[in-house]
Amino acid sequence: DLSNNNLSGSIPGYFANFSSLDYLNLSVNNFEGRVPTEGIFQNDTIVSIFGNKNLCGGGIKELKLKPCFVPEPVIRTKHSVMLKKVVIGVSLS
């Protein structure tokens, strides 16, 4: 039982490999990020993660997590590269 321990960061992926556990209680901590979807995390009756408001993921519907935000990639165009060269050139003058 790791609940109510003020643990933070992401849930370690290796927790998914603890197949001999009957129950993993990570509730009421400060975990954040994507919840693993492998191993024991595939069974919502073995894992409890409630009370970690910054967790996300859609792999296991029963956990009722919000989807993880994936930022859109930055696309560089010839125009943006040329503009940077002009700004750098002007600032060096």
Protein backbone atom coordinates (compact mmCIF):
# COMPACT_ATOMS: atom_id res chain seq x y z
CA ASP A 1 0.00 0.00 0.00
CA LEU A 2 1.67 3.19 -1.24
CA SER A 3 -1.36 5.43 -0.76
CA ASN A 4 -1.25 8.78 1.06
CA ASN A 5 2.53 9.10 0.88
CA ASN A 6 2.84 12.36 -1.06
CA LEU A 7 4.67 10.50 -3.84
CA SER A 8 5.17 12.53 -7.00
CA GLY A 9 6.41 12.23 -10.56
CA SER A 10 5.28 9.64 -13.05
CA ILE A 11 4.23 6.13 -12.09
CA PRO A 12 7.29 3.96 -12.72
CA GLY A 13 6.76 1.70 -15.70
CA TYR A 14 8.36 -1.24 -13.91
CA PHE A 15 5.34 -1.37 -11.56
CA ALA A 16 3.54 -3.01 -14.49
CA ASN A 17 5.82 -6.04 -14.10
CA PHE A 18 4.80 -6.76 -10.50
CA SER A 19 2.55 -9.61 -11.61
CA SER A 20 2.62 -11.36 -8.23
CA LEU A 21 0.86 -8.42 -6.52
CA ASP A 22 -2.75 -8.93 -5.50
CA TYR A 23 -3.34 -5.18 -5.25
CA LEU A 24 -1.35 -1.98 -5.90
CA ASN A 25 -2.73 1.08 -4.12
CA LEU A 26 -1.20 4.33 -5.42
CA SER A 27 -4.17 6.48 -4.37
CA VAL A 28 -4.04 9.99 -2.94
CA ASN A 29 -0.52 10.94 -3.99
CA ASN A 30 0.80 13.50 -6.45
CA PHE A 31 1.56 11.24 -9.40
CA GLU A 32 1.29 12.85 -12.82
CA GLY A 33 1.56 11.96 -16.48
CA ARG A 34 0.54 8.90 -18.46
CA VAL A 35 -0.52 5.78 -16.57
CA PRO A 36 1.19 2.63 -17.84
CA THR A 37 -1.11 0.36 -19.84
CA GLU A 38 0.86 -2.87 -19.64
CA GLY A 39 0.94 -5.68 -17.10
CA ILE A 40 -1.04 -5.19 -13.90
CA PHE A 41 -2.34 -1.83 -15.15
CA GLN A 42 -4.55 -3.74 -17.60
CA ASN A 43 -6.69 -4.88 -14.67
CA ASP A 44 -8.50 -2.06 -12.88
CA THR A 45 -9.40 -4.34 -9.95
CA ILE A 46 -5.70 -4.76 -9.05
CA VAL A 47 -4.67 -1.09 -9.28
CA SER A 48 -6.09 1.94 -7.46
CA ILE A 49 -4.95 5.39 -8.60
CA PHE A 50 -7.77 7.72 -7.50
CA GLY A 51 -6.79 11.01 -5.90
CA ASN A 52 -3.91 11.70 -8.32
CA LYS A 53 -5.49 14.54 -10.28
CA ASN A 54 -2.66 14.97 -12.80
CA LEU A 55 -2.71 11.44 -14.21
CA CYS A 56 -3.89 10.86 -17.74
CA GLY A 57 -4.31 8.14 -20.33
CA GLY A 58 -7.04 6.42 -22.21
CA GLY A 59 -5.74 2.87 -22.29
CA ILE A 60 -8.03 1.52 -19.57
CA LYS A 61 -11.53 3.00 -19.67
CA GLU A 62 -12.42 1.72 -16.19
CA LEU A 63 -9.79 4.01 -14.63
CA LYS A 64 -11.74 7.02 -16.01
CA LEU A 65 -8.66 9.08 -16.81
CA LYS A 66 -8.63 12.23 -18.88
CA PRO A 67 -6.78 11.91 -22.20
CA CYS A 68 -3.13 12.92 -22.20
CA PHE A 69 -2.32 16.16 -23.98
CA VAL A 70 0.12 15.64 -26.81
CA PRO A 71 1.60 18.93 -28.04
CA GLU A 72 1.57 19.47 -31.77
CA PRO A 73 5.00 19.30 -33.36
CA VAL A 74 6.64 22.57 -34.32
CA ILE A 75 6.79 22.83 -38.08
CA ARG A 76 9.50 25.04 -39.47
CA THR A 77 8.95 26.65 -42.80
CA LYS A 78 11.43 28.40 -45.05
CA HIS A 79 9.73 31.66 -44.11
CA SER A 80 10.24 31.20 -40.34
CA VAL A 81 13.91 30.22 -40.83
CA MET A 82 14.48 33.26 -43.09
CA LEU A 83 12.76 35.54 -40.57
CA LYS A 84 15.08 34.31 -37.81
CA LYS A 85 18.11 35.01 -40.00
CA VAL A 86 16.87 38.53 -40.67
CA VAL A 87 16.17 39.20 -36.97
CA ILE A 88 19.59 37.84 -35.97
CA GLY A 89 21.26 39.85 -38.72
CA VAL A 90 19.50 43.05 -37.68
CA SER A 91 20.28 42.54 -34.00
CA LEU A 92 23.98 42.00 -34.76
CA SER A 93 24.19 45.19 -36.82
